[in-house]
Amino acid sequence: MADSMDLVQQRVEEELARNLANARHQPAGAGEFFCVSCGEEIPAARRRAVQGVTRCVTCQEINELKGTHYKGGTV
């Protein structure tokens, strides 16, 4: 008879298998539909052009400028 640890381990293995199956069905390079910074919709052309895009053009430019500023002007 299975004890509580066996049941927990079985549940963890089932969840891992489910997560792996979901990840395999996701298109390669799939990005976000909405910008993670401002929440605006990312245009379809940008999503097709940039694999794994997470920000709209404006927020990406701001993010890159901040990165340049904090790194002392070197990219």
Protein backbone atom coordinates (compact mmCIF):
# COMPACT_ATOMS: atom_id res chain seq x y z
CA MET A 1 0.00 0.00 0.00
CA ALA A 2 1.31 3.46 -0.92
CA ASP A 3 2.15 5.86 1.86
CA SER A 4 1.80 9.65 1.67
CA MET A 5 5.34 10.18 0.31
CA ASP A 6 4.68 7.76 -2.54
CA LEU A 7 1.50 9.65 -3.42
CA VAL A 8 3.32 12.99 -3.31
CA GLN A 9 6.10 11.66 -5.54
CA GLN A 10 3.56 10.29 -8.01
CA ARG A 11 1.80 13.68 -8.11
CA VAL A 12 5.11 15.49 -8.73
CA GLU A 13 6.01 13.12 -11.57
CA GLU A 14 2.57 13.57 -13.17
CA GLU A 15 2.86 17.37 -12.96
CA LEU A 16 6.36 17.29 -14.46
CA ALA A 17 5.16 15.11 -17.35
CA ARG A 18 2.23 17.49 -17.94
CA ASN A 19 4.50 20.54 -17.95
CA LEU A 20 6.94 18.89 -20.36
CA ALA A 21 4.10 17.95 -22.71
CA ASN A 22 2.81 21.53 -22.66
CA ALA A 23 6.28 22.92 -23.36
CA ARG A 24 6.72 20.62 -26.35
CA HIS A 25 3.48 21.87 -27.92
CA GLN A 26 4.52 25.53 -27.67
CA PRO A 27 5.88 26.92 -30.96
CA ALA A 28 9.63 27.55 -31.01
CA GLY A 29 10.47 31.15 -30.24
CA ALA A 30 6.96 31.97 -29.09
CA GLY A 31 6.81 35.42 -27.58
CA GLU A 32 4.33 37.42 -25.61
CA PHE A 33 1.19 38.96 -27.08
CA PHE A 34 1.30 41.85 -24.61
CA CYS A 35 4.29 43.89 -23.49
CA VAL A 36 5.57 42.82 -20.05
CA SER A 37 6.47 46.44 -19.25
CA CYS A 38 3.43 48.49 -20.32
CA GLY A 39 0.80 45.86 -21.11
CA GLU A 40 0.11 47.12 -24.64
CA GLU A 41 -0.41 44.60 -27.44
CA ILE A 42 2.76 43.70 -29.36
CA PRO A 43 2.08 43.95 -33.11
CA ALA A 44 1.96 40.65 -35.00
CA ALA A 45 4.72 41.77 -37.37
CA ARG A 46 7.08 42.33 -34.41
CA ARG A 47 6.17 38.94 -32.90
CA ARG A 48 6.98 37.27 -36.23
CA ALA A 49 10.22 39.23 -36.72
CA VAL A 50 11.65 38.81 -33.22
CA GLN A 51 11.49 35.34 -31.71
CA GLY A 52 10.67 35.34 -28.01
CA VAL A 53 9.76 39.04 -27.96
CA THR A 54 8.49 40.26 -24.59
CA ARG A 55 8.36 44.05 -25.02
CA CYS A 56 6.89 46.51 -27.50
CA VAL A 57 9.35 48.61 -29.52
CA THR A 58 9.11 51.65 -27.22
CA CYS A 59 9.63 49.69 -24.01
CA GLN A 60 12.49 47.69 -25.59
CA GLU A 61 14.23 50.92 -26.59
CA ILE A 62 13.80 52.30 -23.06
CA ASN A 63 15.12 49.05 -21.59
CA GLU A 64 18.19 49.14 -23.85
CA LEU A 65 18.87 52.79 -23.02
CA LYS A 66 18.65 52.04 -19.30
CA GLY A 67 21.02 49.12 -19.76
CA THR A 68 23.49 51.31 -21.61
CA HIS A 69 23.23 54.02 -18.95
CA TYR A 70 23.77 51.63 -16.05
CA LYS A 71 26.69 49.90 -17.77
CA GLY A 72 28.50 53.17 -18.25
CA GLY A 73 27.79 53.63 -21.97
CA THR A 74 28.98 50.25 -23.22
CA VAL A 75 26.64 47.67 -24.59
